[in-house]
Amino acid sequence: MAENPEKVREIGLRRAAARQDLALQRARVRDRRAVRYGTYQLVDLEGNAVFAAEGGYGKTLDEIEAHLNHSTD
């Protein structure tokens, strides 16, 4: 069974976030018309959002990846 490339990327970013003591969280919204549908946020070990749009979540995988890569420089 072939893996979805986007899911593989998400898993890799989850691992990268964990190496920086962060967790990648995906919005649980199921309505495709909702603003936060399919978006992500990074949280620290205490559950505080450290990289998210105002109100939580709202970031794409591209934005998450850029943030994680920039944080390691």
N, C-alpha and C. Protein backbone atom coordinates (compact mmCIF):
# COMPACT_ATOMS: atom_id res chain seq x y z
N MET A 1 0.84 -1.17 0.00
CA MET A 1 0.00 0.00 0.00
C MET A 1 0.90 1.24 0.00
N ALA A 2 0.66 2.15 -0.92
CA ALA A 2 1.46 3.37 -1.03
C ALA A 2 1.01 4.39 0.02
N GLU A 3 1.99 5.05 0.62
CA GLU A 3 1.71 6.08 1.61
C GLU A 3 1.36 7.39 0.90
N ASN A 4 0.53 8.18 1.51
CA ASN A 4 0.21 9.51 1.02
C ASN A 4 1.45 10.38 1.28
N PRO A 5 2.02 11.02 0.24
CA PRO A 5 3.23 11.83 0.43
C PRO A 5 3.06 12.94 1.46
N GLU A 6 1.86 13.51 1.53
CA GLU A 6 1.62 14.58 2.51
C GLU A 6 1.66 14.02 3.94
N LYS A 7 1.15 12.81 4.13
CA LYS A 7 1.18 12.17 5.45
C LYS A 7 2.62 11.83 5.85
N VAL A 8 3.41 11.36 4.88
CA VAL A 8 4.81 11.05 5.14
C VAL A 8 5.55 12.32 5.57
N ARG A 9 5.26 13.41 4.88
CA ARG A 9 5.89 14.70 5.22
C ARG A 9 5.47 15.14 6.62
N GLU A 10 4.20 14.98 6.95
CA GLU A 10 3.70 15.35 8.27
C GLU A 10 4.41 14.55 9.36
N ILE A 11 4.59 13.27 9.14
CA ILE A 11 5.28 12.42 10.11
C ILE A 11 6.72 12.90 10.30
N GLY A 12 7.40 13.23 9.21
CA GLY A 12 8.76 13.74 9.31
C GLY A 12 8.84 15.04 10.08
N LEU A 13 7.87 15.92 9.87
CA LEU A 13 7.84 17.18 10.59
C LEU A 13 7.50 16.98 12.06
N ARG A 14 6.68 15.97 12.37
CA ARG A 14 6.41 15.65 13.77
C ARG A 14 7.70 15.24 14.48
N ARG A 15 8.51 14.44 13.80
CA ARG A 15 9.79 14.01 14.37
C ARG A 15 10.76 15.19 14.53
N ALA A 16 10.80 16.06 13.54
CA ALA A 16 11.67 17.24 13.61
C ALA A 16 11.24 18.14 14.77
N ALA A 17 9.93 18.31 14.96
CA ALA A 17 9.42 19.11 16.06
C ALA A 17 9.79 18.49 17.40
N ALA A 18 9.67 17.18 17.50
CA ALA A 18 9.99 16.48 18.76
C ALA A 18 11.46 16.67 19.13
N ARG A 19 12.33 16.73 18.13
CA ARG A 19 13.76 16.96 18.40
C ARG A 19 14.00 18.34 18.98
N GLN A 20 13.06 19.24 18.78
CA GLN A 20 13.17 20.60 19.34
C GLN A 20 12.24 20.78 20.55
N ASP A 21 11.82 19.66 21.14
CA ASP A 21 10.92 19.66 22.30
C ASP A 21 9.61 20.38 22.00
N LEU A 22 9.10 20.18 20.79
CA LEU A 22 7.82 20.72 20.37
C LEU A 22 6.94 19.59 19.88
N ALA A 23 5.66 19.86 19.75
CA ALA A 23 4.73 18.89 19.19
C ALA A 23 3.97 19.55 18.05
N LEU A 24 3.85 18.85 16.94
CA LEU A 24 3.05 19.30 15.81
C LEU A 24 1.63 18.80 16.01
N GLN A 25 0.67 19.71 15.98
CA GLN A 25 -0.73 19.34 16.15
C GLN A 25 -1.52 19.78 14.93
N ARG A 26 -2.42 18.92 14.49
CA ARG A 26 -3.29 19.22 13.36
C ARG A 26 -4.67 19.59 13.90
N ALA A 27 -5.28 20.60 13.29
CA ALA A 27 -6.63 20.99 13.69
C ALA A 27 -7.58 19.82 13.48
N ARG A 28 -8.46 19.60 14.41
CA ARG A 28 -9.37 18.45 14.35
C ARG A 28 -10.67 18.79 13.63
N VAL A 29 -10.73 19.94 13.03
CA VAL A 29 -11.92 20.38 12.30
C VAL A 29 -12.15 19.44 11.12
N ARG A 30 -13.37 18.95 10.95
CA ARG A 30 -13.69 18.00 9.88
C ARG A 30 -14.43 18.66 8.71
N ASP A 31 -14.89 19.87 8.90
CA ASP A 31 -15.63 20.59 7.86
C ASP A 31 -14.64 21.25 6.91
N ARG A 32 -14.59 20.80 5.67
CA ARG A 32 -13.64 21.32 4.69
C ARG A 32 -13.82 22.80 4.42
N ARG A 33 -14.96 23.37 4.75
CA ARG A 33 -15.19 24.79 4.53
C ARG A 33 -14.73 25.65 5.70
N ALA A 34 -14.34 25.03 6.81
CA ALA A 34 -13.91 25.77 7.99
C ALA A 34 -12.53 26.39 7.77
N VAL A 35 -12.32 27.54 8.37
CA VAL A 35 -11.07 28.29 8.20
C VAL A 35 -9.86 27.48 8.65
N ARG A 36 -9.97 26.76 9.74
CA ARG A 36 -8.83 26.04 10.32
C ARG A 36 -8.65 24.63 9.75
N TYR A 37 -9.54 24.20 8.85
CA TYR A 37 -9.46 22.84 8.30
C TYR A 37 -8.10 22.60 7.64
N GLY A 38 -7.45 21.51 8.00
CA GLY A 38 -6.19 21.11 7.39
C GLY A 38 -4.99 21.95 7.80
N THR A 39 -5.11 22.67 8.91
CA THR A 39 -4.00 23.51 9.35
C THR A 39 -3.35 22.93 10.60
N TYR A 40 -2.22 23.50 10.97
CA TYR A 40 -1.38 22.95 12.03
C TYR A 40 -0.92 24.06 12.97
N GLN A 41 -0.37 23.63 14.11
CA GLN A 41 0.31 24.53 15.03
C GLN A 41 1.41 23.75 15.73
N LEU A 42 2.39 24.47 16.25
CA LEU A 42 3.43 23.87 17.08
C LEU A 42 3.18 24.29 18.52
N VAL A 43 3.30 23.35 19.44
CA VAL A 43 3.14 23.64 20.86
C VAL A 43 4.36 23.15 21.62
N ASP A 44 4.62 23.77 22.77
CA ASP A 44 5.73 23.33 23.61
C ASP A 44 5.27 22.21 24.52
N LEU A 45 6.16 21.76 25.40
CA LEU A 45 5.86 20.61 26.26
C LEU A 45 4.70 20.87 27.23
N GLU A 46 4.44 22.14 27.54
CA GLU A 46 3.33 22.48 28.44
C GLU A 46 2.03 22.69 27.68
N GLY A 47 2.05 22.55 26.36
CA GLY A 47 0.84 22.71 25.56
C GLY A 47 0.57 24.13 25.13
N ASN A 48 1.54 25.03 25.32
CA ASN A 48 1.38 26.42 24.90
C ASN A 48 1.76 26.56 23.43
N ALA A 49 0.91 27.18 22.65
CA ALA A 49 1.20 27.38 21.23
C ALA A 49 2.42 28.28 21.08
N VAL A 50 3.40 27.83 20.31
CA VAL A 50 4.60 28.63 20.07
C VAL A 50 4.67 29.10 18.62
N PHE A 51 3.92 28.47 17.73
CA PHE A 51 3.87 28.89 16.34
C PHE A 51 2.50 28.53 15.79
N ALA A 52 1.62 29.53 15.75
CA ALA A 52 0.25 29.32 15.29
C ALA A 52 -0.31 30.67 14.87
N ALA A 53 -1.37 30.63 14.09
CA ALA A 53 -2.07 31.87 13.76
C ALA A 53 -2.80 32.34 15.02
N GLU A 54 -3.23 33.57 15.01
CA GLU A 54 -4.00 34.09 16.14
C GLU A 54 -5.22 33.21 16.37
N GLY A 55 -5.41 32.76 17.56
CA GLY A 55 -6.52 31.87 17.87
C GLY A 55 -6.15 30.39 17.75
N GLY A 56 -4.91 30.09 17.37
CA GLY A 56 -4.47 28.69 17.28
C GLY A 56 -4.55 28.13 15.88
N TYR A 57 -3.74 27.15 15.63
CA TYR A 57 -3.65 26.47 14.34
C TYR A 57 -3.45 27.49 13.22
N GLY A 58 -3.92 27.21 12.01
CA GLY A 58 -3.84 28.18 10.93
C GLY A 58 -2.56 28.16 10.12
N LYS A 59 -1.60 27.30 10.44
CA LYS A 59 -0.34 27.25 9.71
C LYS A 59 -0.34 26.05 8.76
N THR A 60 0.29 26.22 7.61
CA THR A 60 0.42 25.13 6.64
C THR A 60 1.66 24.31 6.96
N LEU A 61 1.78 23.14 6.33
CA LEU A 61 2.99 22.34 6.52
C LEU A 61 4.23 23.08 6.01
N ASP A 62 4.08 23.86 4.94
CA ASP A 62 5.21 24.65 4.43
C ASP A 62 5.69 25.65 5.48
N GLU A 63 4.75 26.32 6.13
CA GLU A 63 5.10 27.29 7.17
C GLU A 63 5.73 26.60 8.37
N ILE A 64 5.19 25.46 8.75
CA ILE A 64 5.74 24.70 9.88
C ILE A 64 7.18 24.28 9.56
N GLU A 65 7.39 23.74 8.36
CA GLU A 65 8.72 23.30 7.96
C GLU A 65 9.71 24.46 7.97
N ALA A 66 9.32 25.60 7.42
CA ALA A 66 10.20 26.77 7.42
C ALA A 66 10.54 27.21 8.84
N HIS A 67 9.56 27.20 9.72
CA HIS A 67 9.79 27.59 11.12
C HIS A 67 10.77 26.62 11.80
N LEU A 68 10.56 25.33 11.62
CA LEU A 68 11.43 24.35 12.25
C LEU A 68 12.86 24.44 11.69
N ASN A 69 12.99 24.66 10.39
CA ASN A 69 14.31 24.79 9.80
C ASN A 69 15.01 26.05 10.25
N HIS A 70 14.26 27.13 10.38
CA HIS A 70 14.84 28.40 10.83
C HIS A 70 15.25 28.32 12.30
N SER A 71 14.49 27.59 13.10
CA SER A 71 14.76 27.48 14.53
C SER A 71 16.05 26.72 14.81
N THR A 72 16.50 25.90 13.86
CA THR A 72 17.71 25.11 14.10
C THR A 72 18.96 25.81 13.63
N ASP A 73 18.82 26.96 12.91
CA ASP A 73 20.00 27.69 12.42
C ASP A 73 20.70 28.41 13.53
